[in-house]
Amino acid sequence: MTVRPGRAWRRFLVFTLVLVSCAAAAGAKTVAAPGLVPATSRPARDPASAAILIGGIDDSWTRLAGWAPLQSPGQRVVGFAYDHKRTDLATNAQRLEVELLGLRREGVRRLSITAYSMGGWIAKAALDRMTADGTIAEFESVQLVALATPWGGFERANIAWHLRSFPTPGLARALSRVMERPMGFEVGSATPFIHALRAPLPAHVAFYICEGGADEVATPRTRREWENYEAVVALARRRIRIPGANHRDMSVPRRLDLGGGRSGLSASIQP
C-alpha cells in the first residue's frame, strides 16, 4: 500500500524547500568587506596615534562620529565599518584585527578604540585574538573604551546556540543570515564567544567600561549574565557608571574621566 503524504506534510515540505532556496541564495550574495573609514577631515598631525570608532547593532560607526572631537589632538580618527547583518561577530573581530595590524604597518603605535554596545564585543574579541597570537605587543599602548556593551550576553539567546546544528550547521547559519542576525549563535550567555570575552588583556592595554544606570539592554538580569558581566568588568582599569542613562544615551558624546593617563577623554563626565 502506498502512503501518500497529507496536505500538511506537503506544505511543510514546500516551506522547507523555500527556506533552503532562500538560504542558498542569501549565502551566494557577496558580503561587503568592512574597513576603516575616515571619521573627520581634520589633519592627523600624529601619524603614530589612531582612534577607532565602532558602532553597535543596527548602527554604523557614524553614530559615534561626535566622539571624534574628544580624541587627542592630532590623532587619526577612523570608523570601523562592518556588516552585522551578513557576518557573525567572530568574523568581524578577525577582520578588525586585520585592520588594526594594517594601521601598525602604516606606523601607528598607539591605538584608542571607542566602541558602543555590540561594537564592544567585536573590539574586545579582536584584542583577545591579538593577545593570543602575540601581535598586541607590536603596539606601544592600546585603549578600549566600551560603552553600554552587554558583557553578560543574553540568556534568552541560548536557544539559538542549542539549535546551531539543526537541521544542519550549514543551513542553520544560512537561515540566520536570511534573518539578518548571523550573530544569533554567539550572543547567548552560555556561548563560547561570550565566555571567551573573560580573557585577560596585557598590561599595556587600558580597558574602560562605561555603563548607564538605566540601561535596559546591557544590564544583566540572570545569574549567568551577571557572572559573565562581572568577570569582564574585573578586567577593566576603571568602571564608569552614568546615572539615569539608558542604552541609546550611552552612544551620545560625553567627556569621561578615565583617571588620567594619555587619553584625550580626560575631563569630568558631562552629558
C-alpha atoms as a PDB file:
ATOM      1  CA  MET A   1       0.000   0.000   0.000  1.00  0.00           C
ATOM      2  CA  THR A   2       1.314   3.374  -0.978  1.00  0.00           C
ATOM      3  CA  VAL A   3       1.147   6.026   1.711  1.00  0.00           C
ATOM      4  CA  ARG A   4       0.534   9.450   0.263  1.00  0.00           C
ATOM      5  CA  PRO A   5       1.746  12.454   2.215  1.00  0.00           C
ATOM      6  CA  GLY A   6      -1.006  14.588   3.659  1.00  0.00           C
ATOM      7  CA  ARG A   7      -1.643  18.207   2.746  1.00  0.00           C
ATOM      8  CA  ALA A   8       0.004  19.476   5.934  1.00  0.00           C
ATOM      9  CA  TRP A   9       3.135  17.447   5.227  1.00  0.00           C
ATOM     10  CA  ARG A  10       3.306  18.718   1.653  1.00  0.00           C
ATOM     11  CA  ARG A  11       3.007  22.305   2.879  1.00  0.00           C
ATOM     12  CA  PHE A  12       5.810  21.687   5.366  1.00  0.00           C
ATOM     13  CA  LEU A  13       7.992  20.176   2.628  1.00  0.00           C
ATOM     14  CA  VAL A  14       7.369  23.103   0.292  1.00  0.00           C
ATOM     15  CA  PHE A  15       8.070  25.564   3.103  1.00  0.00           C
ATOM     16  CA  THR A  16      11.342  23.819   3.939  1.00  0.00           C
ATOM     17  CA  LEU A  17      12.433  23.811   0.291  1.00  0.00           C
ATOM     18  CA  VAL A  18      11.654  27.519   0.024  1.00  0.00           C
ATOM     19  CA  LEU A  19      13.740  28.204   3.108  1.00  0.00           C
ATOM     20  CA  VAL A  20      16.617  26.167   1.723  1.00  0.00           C
ATOM     21  CA  SER A  21      16.425  28.030  -1.599  1.00  0.00           C
ATOM     22  CA  CYS A  22      16.335  31.400   0.143  1.00  0.00           C
ATOM     23  CA  ALA A  23      19.221  30.436   2.363  1.00  0.00           C
ATOM     24  CA  ALA A  24      21.267  29.240  -0.590  1.00  0.00           C
ATOM     25  CA  ALA A  25      20.553  32.450  -2.480  1.00  0.00           C
ATOM     26  CA  ALA A  26      21.462  34.538   0.534  1.00  0.00           C
ATOM     27  CA  GLY A  27      24.657  32.587   1.026  1.00  0.00           C
ATOM     28  CA  ALA A  28      25.641  33.291  -2.555  1.00  0.00           C
ATOM     29  CA  LYS A  29      25.496  37.032  -2.065  1.00  0.00           C
ATOM     30  CA  THR A  30      28.752  38.880  -1.664  1.00  0.00           C
ATOM     31  CA  VAL A  31      29.371  40.080   1.873  1.00  0.00           C
ATOM     32  CA  ALA A  32      30.564  43.646   1.901  1.00  0.00           C
ATOM     33  CA  ALA A  33      34.077  43.756   3.311  1.00  0.00           C
ATOM     34  CA  PRO A  34      34.415  46.011   6.327  1.00  0.00           C
ATOM     35  CA  GLY A  35      37.144  48.544   6.614  1.00  0.00           C
ATOM     36  CA  LEU A  36      38.368  51.745   8.160  1.00  0.00           C
ATOM     37  CA  VAL A  37      36.709  54.960   7.017  1.00  0.00           C
ATOM     38  CA  PRO A  38      37.957  58.487   7.878  1.00  0.00           C
ATOM     39  CA  ALA A  39      35.714  59.927  10.599  1.00  0.00           C
ATOM     40  CA  THR A  40      36.914  63.511  10.386  1.00  0.00           C
ATOM     41  CA  SER A  41      38.534  65.827   7.887  1.00  0.00           C
ATOM     42  CA  ARG A  42      40.942  67.135  10.498  1.00  0.00           C
ATOM     43  CA  PRO A  43      44.579  66.585   9.529  1.00  0.00           C
ATOM     44  CA  ALA A  44      46.338  63.885  11.525  1.00  0.00           C
ATOM     45  CA  ARG A  45      49.409  65.535  12.968  1.00  0.00           C
ATOM     46  CA  ASP A  46      50.436  62.450  14.928  1.00  0.00           C
ATOM     47  CA  PRO A  47      50.909  59.546  12.488  1.00  0.00           C
ATOM     48  CA  ALA A  48      51.816  57.211  15.352  1.00  0.00           C
ATOM     49  CA  SER A  49      48.419  57.537  17.028  1.00  0.00           C
ATOM     50  CA  ALA A  50      44.978  56.433  15.761  1.00  0.00           C
ATOM     51  CA  ALA A  51      41.465  56.410  17.208  1.00  0.00           C
ATOM     52  CA  ILE A  52      38.861  53.887  16.007  1.00  0.00           C
ATOM     53  CA  LEU A  53      35.089  54.258  16.408  1.00  0.00           C
ATOM     54  CA  ILE A  54      32.912  51.110  16.329  1.00  0.00           C
ATOM     55  CA  GLY A  55      29.115  51.184  16.353  1.00  0.00           C
ATOM     56  CA  GLY A  56      26.571  48.681  17.647  1.00  0.00           C
ATOM     57  CA  ILE A  57      23.776  46.626  16.127  1.00  0.00           C
ATOM     58  CA  ASP A  58      21.735  48.498  13.528  1.00  0.00           C
ATOM     59  CA  ASP A  59      24.141  51.420  13.998  1.00  0.00           C
ATOM     60  CA  SER A  60      27.207  52.283  11.995  1.00  0.00           C
ATOM     61  CA  TRP A  61      30.261  53.943  13.475  1.00  0.00           C
ATOM     62  CA  THR A  62      28.818  57.260  12.248  1.00  0.00           C
ATOM     63  CA  ARG A  63      26.534  57.293  15.294  1.00  0.00           C
ATOM     64  CA  LEU A  64      29.725  57.782  17.303  1.00  0.00           C
ATOM     65  CA  ALA A  65      31.159  60.422  14.993  1.00  0.00           C
ATOM     66  CA  GLY A  66      30.508  63.051  17.649  1.00  0.00           C
ATOM     67  CA  TRP A  67      33.161  61.391  19.790  1.00  0.00           C
ATOM     68  CA  ALA A  68      35.863  62.331  17.272  1.00  0.00           C
ATOM     69  CA  PRO A  69      36.483  65.860  18.649  1.00  0.00           C
ATOM     70  CA  LEU A  70      37.031  64.350  22.114  1.00  0.00           C
ATOM     71  CA  GLN A  71      40.009  62.331  20.971  1.00  0.00           C
ATOM     72  CA  SER A  72      43.573  63.519  21.461  1.00  0.00           C
ATOM     73  CA  PRO A  73      44.537  66.391  19.142  1.00  0.00           C
ATOM     74  CA  GLY A  74      46.449  65.179  16.133  1.00  0.00           C
ATOM     75  CA  GLN A  75      45.126  61.633  16.200  1.00  0.00           C
ATOM     76  CA  ARG A  76      43.962  59.997  13.031  1.00  0.00           C
ATOM     77  CA  VAL A  77      40.272  59.161  13.657  1.00  0.00           C
ATOM     78  CA  VAL A  78      38.580  56.397  11.647  1.00  0.00           C
ATOM     79  CA  GLY A  79      35.392  54.361  11.841  1.00  0.00           C
ATOM     80  CA  PHE A  80      35.308  50.576  11.514  1.00  0.00           C
ATOM     81  CA  ALA A  81      32.613  49.584   9.020  1.00  0.00           C
ATOM     82  CA  TYR A  82      31.274  46.041   9.318  1.00  0.00           C
ATOM     83  CA  ASP A  83      28.218  44.201   8.034  1.00  0.00           C
ATOM     84  CA  HIS A  84      26.468  42.810  11.108  1.00  0.00           C
ATOM     85  CA  LYS A  85      23.533  41.596   9.018  1.00  0.00           C
ATOM     86  CA  ARG A  86      25.669  39.264   6.929  1.00  0.00           C
ATOM     87  CA  THR A  87      28.710  38.455   9.071  1.00  0.00           C
ATOM     88  CA  ASP A  88      28.973  36.978  12.557  1.00  0.00           C
ATOM     89  CA  LEU A  89      30.817  38.609  15.453  1.00  0.00           C
ATOM     90  CA  ALA A  90      33.840  36.313  15.409  1.00  0.00           C
ATOM     91  CA  THR A  91      34.438  37.045  11.726  1.00  0.00           C
ATOM     92  CA  ASN A  92      34.083  40.781  12.283  1.00  0.00           C
ATOM     93  CA  ALA A  93      36.569  40.576  15.170  1.00  0.00           C
ATOM     94  CA  GLN A  94      39.021  38.771  12.901  1.00  0.00           C
ATOM     95  CA  ARG A  95      38.616  41.453  10.247  1.00  0.00           C
ATOM     96  CA  LEU A  96      39.076  44.214  12.809  1.00  0.00           C
ATOM     97  CA  GLU A  97      42.340  42.585  13.865  1.00  0.00           C
ATOM     98  CA  VAL A  98      43.488  42.678  10.246  1.00  0.00           C
ATOM     99  CA  GLU A  99      42.617  46.377  10.007  1.00  0.00           C
ATOM    100  CA  LEU A 100      44.427  47.222  13.251  1.00  0.00           C
ATOM    101  CA  LEU A 101      47.540  45.381  12.146  1.00  0.00           C
ATOM    102  CA  GLY A 102      47.285  47.272   8.858  1.00  0.00           C
ATOM    103  CA  LEU A 103      47.478  50.510  10.852  1.00  0.00           C
ATOM    104  CA  ARG A 104      50.571  49.186  12.618  1.00  0.00           C
ATOM    105  CA  ARG A 105      52.263  48.619   9.248  1.00  0.00           C
ATOM    106  CA  GLU A 106      51.478  52.258   8.451  1.00  0.00           C
ATOM    107  CA  GLY A 107      53.397  53.364  11.522  1.00  0.00           C
ATOM    108  CA  VAL A 108      50.633  53.553  14.150  1.00  0.00           C
ATOM    109  CA  ARG A 109      51.959  52.585  17.594  1.00  0.00           C
ATOM    110  CA  ARG A 110      49.145  53.858  19.842  1.00  0.00           C
ATOM    111  CA  LEU A 111      45.502  52.832  19.479  1.00  0.00           C
ATOM    112  CA  SER A 112      42.414  54.336  21.093  1.00  0.00           C
ATOM    113  CA  ILE A 113      39.179  52.429  20.469  1.00  0.00           C
ATOM    114  CA  THR A 114      35.723  53.728  21.389  1.00  0.00           C
ATOM    115  CA  ALA A 115      33.069  51.038  20.886  1.00  0.00           C
ATOM    116  CA  TYR A 116      29.334  51.112  21.541  1.00  0.00           C
ATOM    117  CA  SER A 117      27.151  48.142  22.525  1.00  0.00           C
ATOM    118  CA  MET A 118      27.832  45.182  20.195  1.00  0.00           C
ATOM    119  CA  GLY A 119      30.894  47.041  18.941  1.00  0.00           C
ATOM    120  CA  GLY A 120      32.441  46.424  22.358  1.00  0.00           C
ATOM    121  CA  TRP A 121      32.150  42.674  21.812  1.00  0.00           C
ATOM    122  CA  ILE A 122      33.896  42.961  18.452  1.00  0.00           C
ATOM    123  CA  ALA A 123      36.654  45.208  19.812  1.00  0.00           C
ATOM    124  CA  LYS A 124      37.356  43.040  22.873  1.00  0.00           C
ATOM    125  CA  ALA A 125      37.324  39.855  20.772  1.00  0.00           C
ATOM    126  CA  ALA A 126      39.778  41.422  18.297  1.00  0.00           C
ATOM    127  CA  LEU A 127      42.140  42.440  21.114  1.00  0.00           C
ATOM    128  CA  ASP A 128      41.817  38.935  22.596  1.00  0.00           C
ATOM    129  CA  ARG A 129      42.838  37.470  19.233  1.00  0.00           C
ATOM    130  CA  MET A 130      45.822  39.797  19.081  1.00  0.00           C
ATOM    131  CA  THR A 131      46.776  38.870  22.643  1.00  0.00           C
ATOM    132  CA  ALA A 132      46.614  35.180  21.821  1.00  0.00           C
ATOM    133  CA  ASP A 133      48.750  35.453  18.682  1.00  0.00           C
ATOM    134  CA  GLY A 134      51.186  37.965  20.199  1.00  0.00           C
ATOM    135  CA  THR A 135      50.548  40.811  17.755  1.00  0.00           C
ATOM    136  CA  ILE A 136      49.195  43.068  20.511  1.00  0.00           C
ATOM    137  CA  ALA A 137      52.826  43.507  21.616  1.00  0.00           C
ATOM    138  CA  GLU A 138      53.546  45.400  18.390  1.00  0.00           C
ATOM    139  CA  PHE A 139      51.663  48.397  19.793  1.00  0.00           C
ATOM    140  CA  GLU A 140      53.095  50.726  22.394  1.00  0.00           C
ATOM    141  CA  SER A 141      49.694  51.257  24.013  1.00  0.00           C
ATOM    142  CA  VAL A 142      46.074  50.333  23.379  1.00  0.00           C
ATOM    143  CA  GLN A 143      42.975  51.852  24.967  1.00  0.00           C
ATOM    144  CA  LEU A 144      39.472  50.415  24.717  1.00  0.00           C
ATOM    145  CA  VAL A 145      36.512  52.437  25.985  1.00  0.00           C
ATOM    146  CA  ALA A 146      33.413  50.216  25.804  1.00  0.00           C
ATOM    147  CA  LEU A 147      30.056  51.990  26.024  1.00  0.00           C
ATOM    148  CA  ALA A 148      26.940  50.040  27.087  1.00  0.00           C
ATOM    149  CA  THR A 149      28.270  46.659  25.993  1.00  0.00           C
ATOM    150  CA  PRO A 150      26.151  43.729  27.297  1.00  0.00           C
ATOM    151  CA  TRP A 151      29.080  41.666  28.570  1.00  0.00           C
ATOM    152  CA  GLY A 152      26.761  39.157  30.212  1.00  0.00           C
ATOM    153  CA  GLY A 153      25.238  38.004  26.944  1.00  0.00           C
ATOM    154  CA  PHE A 154      21.552  37.163  26.790  1.00  0.00           C
ATOM    155  CA  GLU A 155      20.009  34.149  28.498  1.00  0.00           C
ATOM    156  CA  ARG A 156      17.127  34.084  26.035  1.00  0.00           C
ATOM    157  CA  ALA A 157      19.554  33.748  23.115  1.00  0.00           C
ATOM    158  CA  ASN A 158      20.910  30.420  24.396  1.00  0.00           C
ATOM    159  CA  ILE A 159      18.191  28.613  22.466  1.00  0.00           C
ATOM    160  CA  ALA A 160      19.810  29.752  19.225  1.00  0.00           C
ATOM    161  CA  TRP A 161      23.110  28.281  20.383  1.00  0.00           C
ATOM    162  CA  HIS A 162      21.435  24.954  21.116  1.00  0.00           C
ATOM    163  CA  LEU A 163      19.854  24.977  17.630  1.00  0.00           C
ATOM    164  CA  ARG A 164      23.095  25.864  15.823  1.00  0.00           C
ATOM    165  CA  SER A 165      23.275  22.430  14.153  1.00  0.00           C
ATOM    166  CA  PHE A 166      19.574  21.978  13.381  1.00  0.00           C
ATOM    167  CA  PRO A 167      18.737  20.722  10.859  1.00  0.00           C
ATOM    168  CA  THR A 168      22.354  21.085   9.684  1.00  0.00           C
ATOM    169  CA  PRO A 169      25.038  23.598  10.703  1.00  0.00           C
ATOM    170  CA  GLY A 170      25.241  24.995   7.184  1.00  0.00           C
ATOM    171  CA  LEU A 171      21.507  25.520   6.838  1.00  0.00           C
ATOM    172  CA  ALA A 172      21.210  26.979  10.341  1.00  0.00           C
ATOM    173  CA  ARG A 173      23.926  29.533   9.537  1.00  0.00           C
ATOM    174  CA  ALA A 174      22.368  30.356   6.187  1.00  0.00           C
ATOM    175  CA  LEU A 175      18.959  30.912   7.752  1.00  0.00           C
ATOM    176  CA  SER A 176      20.494  33.217  10.354  1.00  0.00           C
ATOM    177  CA  ARG A 177      21.853  35.339   7.500  1.00  0.00           C
ATOM    178  CA  VAL A 178      18.446  35.363   5.818  1.00  0.00           C
ATOM    179  CA  MET A 179      17.038  36.768   9.069  1.00  0.00           C
ATOM    180  CA  GLU A 180      19.946  39.263   9.151  1.00  0.00           C
ATOM    181  CA  ARG A 181      21.046  38.047  12.584  1.00  0.00           C
ATOM    182  CA  PRO A 182      24.139  35.885  11.983  1.00  0.00           C
ATOM    183  CA  MET A 183      25.382  36.732  15.493  1.00  0.00           C
ATOM    184  CA  GLY A 184      22.439  34.835  16.990  1.00  0.00           C
ATOM    185  CA  PHE A 185      24.569  31.766  17.773  1.00  0.00           C
ATOM    186  CA  GLU A 186      27.137  33.855  19.650  1.00  0.00           C
ATOM    187  CA  VAL A 187      25.274  36.191  21.991  1.00  0.00           C
ATOM    188  CA  GLY A 188      23.712  33.713  24.415  1.00  0.00           C
ATOM    189  CA  SER A 189      25.026  33.841  27.971  1.00  0.00           C
ATOM    190  CA  ALA A 190      26.219  30.224  27.680  1.00  0.00           C
ATOM    191  CA  THR A 191      28.059  30.533  24.364  1.00  0.00           C
ATOM    192  CA  PRO A 192      31.828  30.163  23.850  1.00  0.00           C
ATOM    193  CA  PHE A 193      32.007  33.632  22.252  1.00  0.00           C
ATOM    194  CA  ILE A 194      30.618  35.387  25.345  1.00  0.00           C
ATOM    195  CA  HIS A 195      32.690  33.263  27.739  1.00  0.00           C
ATOM    196  CA  ALA A 196      35.873  33.969  25.763  1.00  0.00           C
ATOM    197  CA  LEU A 197      35.465  37.694  26.467  1.00  0.00           C
ATOM    198  CA  ARG A 198      36.611  36.963  30.026  1.00  0.00           C
ATOM    199  CA  ALA A 199      40.191  36.560  28.749  1.00  0.00           C
ATOM    200  CA  PRO A 200      42.682  38.945  30.420  1.00  0.00           C
ATOM    201  CA  LEU A 201      44.453  41.682  28.484  1.00  0.00           C
ATOM    202  CA  PRO A 202      48.143  42.688  28.634  1.00  0.00           C
ATOM    203  CA  ALA A 203      49.251  45.441  30.993  1.00  0.00           C
ATOM    204  CA  HIS A 204      49.696  47.986  28.202  1.00  0.00           C
ATOM    205  CA  VAL A 205      46.017  47.644  27.194  1.00  0.00           C
ATOM    206  CA  ALA A 206      43.854  50.097  29.140  1.00  0.00           C
ATOM    207  CA  PHE A 207      40.289  48.784  29.270  1.00  0.00           C
ATOM    208  CA  TYR A 208      37.448  51.045  30.470  1.00  0.00           C
ATOM    209  CA  ILE A 209      33.817  50.027  30.888  1.00  0.00           C
ATOM    210  CA  CYS A 210      31.128  52.726  30.766  1.00  0.00           C
ATOM    211  CA  GLU A 211      27.604  51.744  31.728  1.00  0.00           C
ATOM    212  CA  GLY A 212      24.289  53.529  32.058  1.00  0.00           C
ATOM    213  CA  GLY A 213      22.377  53.410  35.308  1.00  0.00           C
ATOM    214  CA  ALA A 214      19.101  52.861  33.412  1.00  0.00           C
ATOM    215  CA  ASP A 215      20.431  50.701  30.570  1.00  0.00           C
ATOM    216  CA  GLU A 216      17.571  48.405  29.593  1.00  0.00           C
ATOM    217  CA  VAL A 217      19.733  46.327  27.237  1.00  0.00           C
ATOM    218  CA  ALA A 218      23.208  45.885  28.713  1.00  0.00           C
ATOM    219  CA  THR A 219      22.232  45.441  32.366  1.00  0.00           C
ATOM    220  CA  PRO A 220      22.412  41.734  33.321  1.00  0.00           C
ATOM    221  CA  ARG A 221      19.223  40.069  34.514  1.00  0.00           C
ATOM    222  CA  THR A 222      20.012  36.434  35.290  1.00  0.00           C
ATOM    223  CA  ARG A 223      22.668  34.822  37.457  1.00  0.00           C
ATOM    224  CA  ARG A 224      24.659  33.585  34.472  1.00  0.00           C
ATOM    225  CA  GLU A 225      24.516  37.004  32.787  1.00  0.00           C
ATOM    226  CA  TRP A 226      25.783  38.619  35.995  1.00  0.00           C
ATOM    227  CA  GLU A 227      28.624  36.105  36.274  1.00  0.00           C
ATOM    228  CA  ASN A 228      29.784  36.866  32.728  1.00  0.00           C
ATOM    229  CA  TYR A 229      29.388  40.599  33.229  1.00  0.00           C
ATOM    230  CA  GLU A 230      31.322  40.770  36.487  1.00  0.00           C
ATOM    231  CA  ALA A 231      34.122  38.581  35.098  1.00  0.00           C
ATOM    232  CA  VAL A 232      34.694  41.060  32.269  1.00  0.00           C
ATOM    233  CA  VAL A 233      34.269  44.121  34.492  1.00  0.00           C
ATOM    234  CA  ALA A 234      37.012  42.719  36.742  1.00  0.00           C
ATOM    235  CA  LEU A 235      39.427  43.162  33.811  1.00  0.00           C
ATOM    236  CA  ALA A 236      38.686  46.860  33.422  1.00  0.00           C
ATOM    237  CA  ARG A 237      41.047  49.544  34.662  1.00  0.00           C
ATOM    238  CA  ARG A 238      38.022  51.587  35.589  1.00  0.00           C
ATOM    239  CA  ARG A 239      34.249  51.139  35.602  1.00  0.00           C
ATOM    240  CA  ILE A 240      32.308  54.349  34.934  1.00  0.00           C
ATOM    241  CA  ARG A 241      28.604  54.458  35.716  1.00  0.00           C
ATOM    242  CA  ILE A 242      26.414  57.257  34.367  1.00  0.00           C
ATOM    243  CA  PRO A 243      23.248  57.544  36.478  1.00  0.00           C
ATOM    244  CA  GLY A 244      19.962  57.698  34.580  1.00  0.00           C
ATOM    245  CA  ALA A 245      21.494  56.923  31.172  1.00  0.00           C
ATOM    246  CA  ASN A 246      19.677  54.342  29.061  1.00  0.00           C
ATOM    247  CA  HIS A 247      21.197  52.241  26.294  1.00  0.00           C
ATOM    248  CA  ARG A 248      20.833  54.804  23.494  1.00  0.00           C
ATOM    249  CA  ASP A 249      22.047  57.599  25.764  1.00  0.00           C
ATOM    250  CA  MET A 250      25.391  55.859  26.050  1.00  0.00           C
ATOM    251  CA  SER A 251      26.231  56.494  22.392  1.00  0.00           C
ATOM    252  CA  VAL A 252      25.883  60.270  22.877  1.00  0.00           C
ATOM    253  CA  PRO A 253      29.267  62.024  23.022  1.00  0.00           C
ATOM    254  CA  ARG A 254      30.350  62.958  26.526  1.00  0.00           C
ATOM    255  CA  ARG A 255      33.620  63.599  28.258  1.00  0.00           C
ATOM    256  CA  LEU A 256      34.738  60.852  30.588  1.00  0.00           C
ATOM    257  CA  ASP A 257      37.147  60.852  33.481  1.00  0.00           C
ATOM    258  CA  LEU A 258      39.322  57.828  32.825  1.00  0.00           C
ATOM    259  CA  GLY A 259      41.591  58.517  35.728  1.00  0.00           C
ATOM    260  CA  GLY A 260      44.413  60.343  33.965  1.00  0.00           C
ATOM    261  CA  GLY A 261      46.934  58.872  31.573  1.00  0.00           C
ATOM    262  CA  ARG A 262      47.441  59.757  27.929  1.00  0.00           C
ATOM    263  CA  SER A 263      43.779  59.643  26.964  1.00  0.00           C
ATOM    264  CA  GLY A 264      42.052  62.519  25.266  1.00  0.00           C
ATOM    265  CA  LEU A 265      38.852  61.602  27.124  1.00  0.00           C
ATOM    266  CA  SER A 266      40.046  63.085  30.376  1.00  0.00           C
ATOM    267  CA  ALA A 267      37.513  65.615  31.649  1.00  0.00           C
ATOM    268  CA  SER A 268      34.697  65.111  34.097  1.00  0.00           C
ATOM    269  CA  ILE A 269      31.568  63.244  32.995  1.00  0.00           C
ATOM    270  CA  GLN A 270      29.188  65.533  31.150  1.00  0.00           C
ATOM    271  CA  PRO A 271      26.042  64.501  29.217  1.00  0.00           C
END
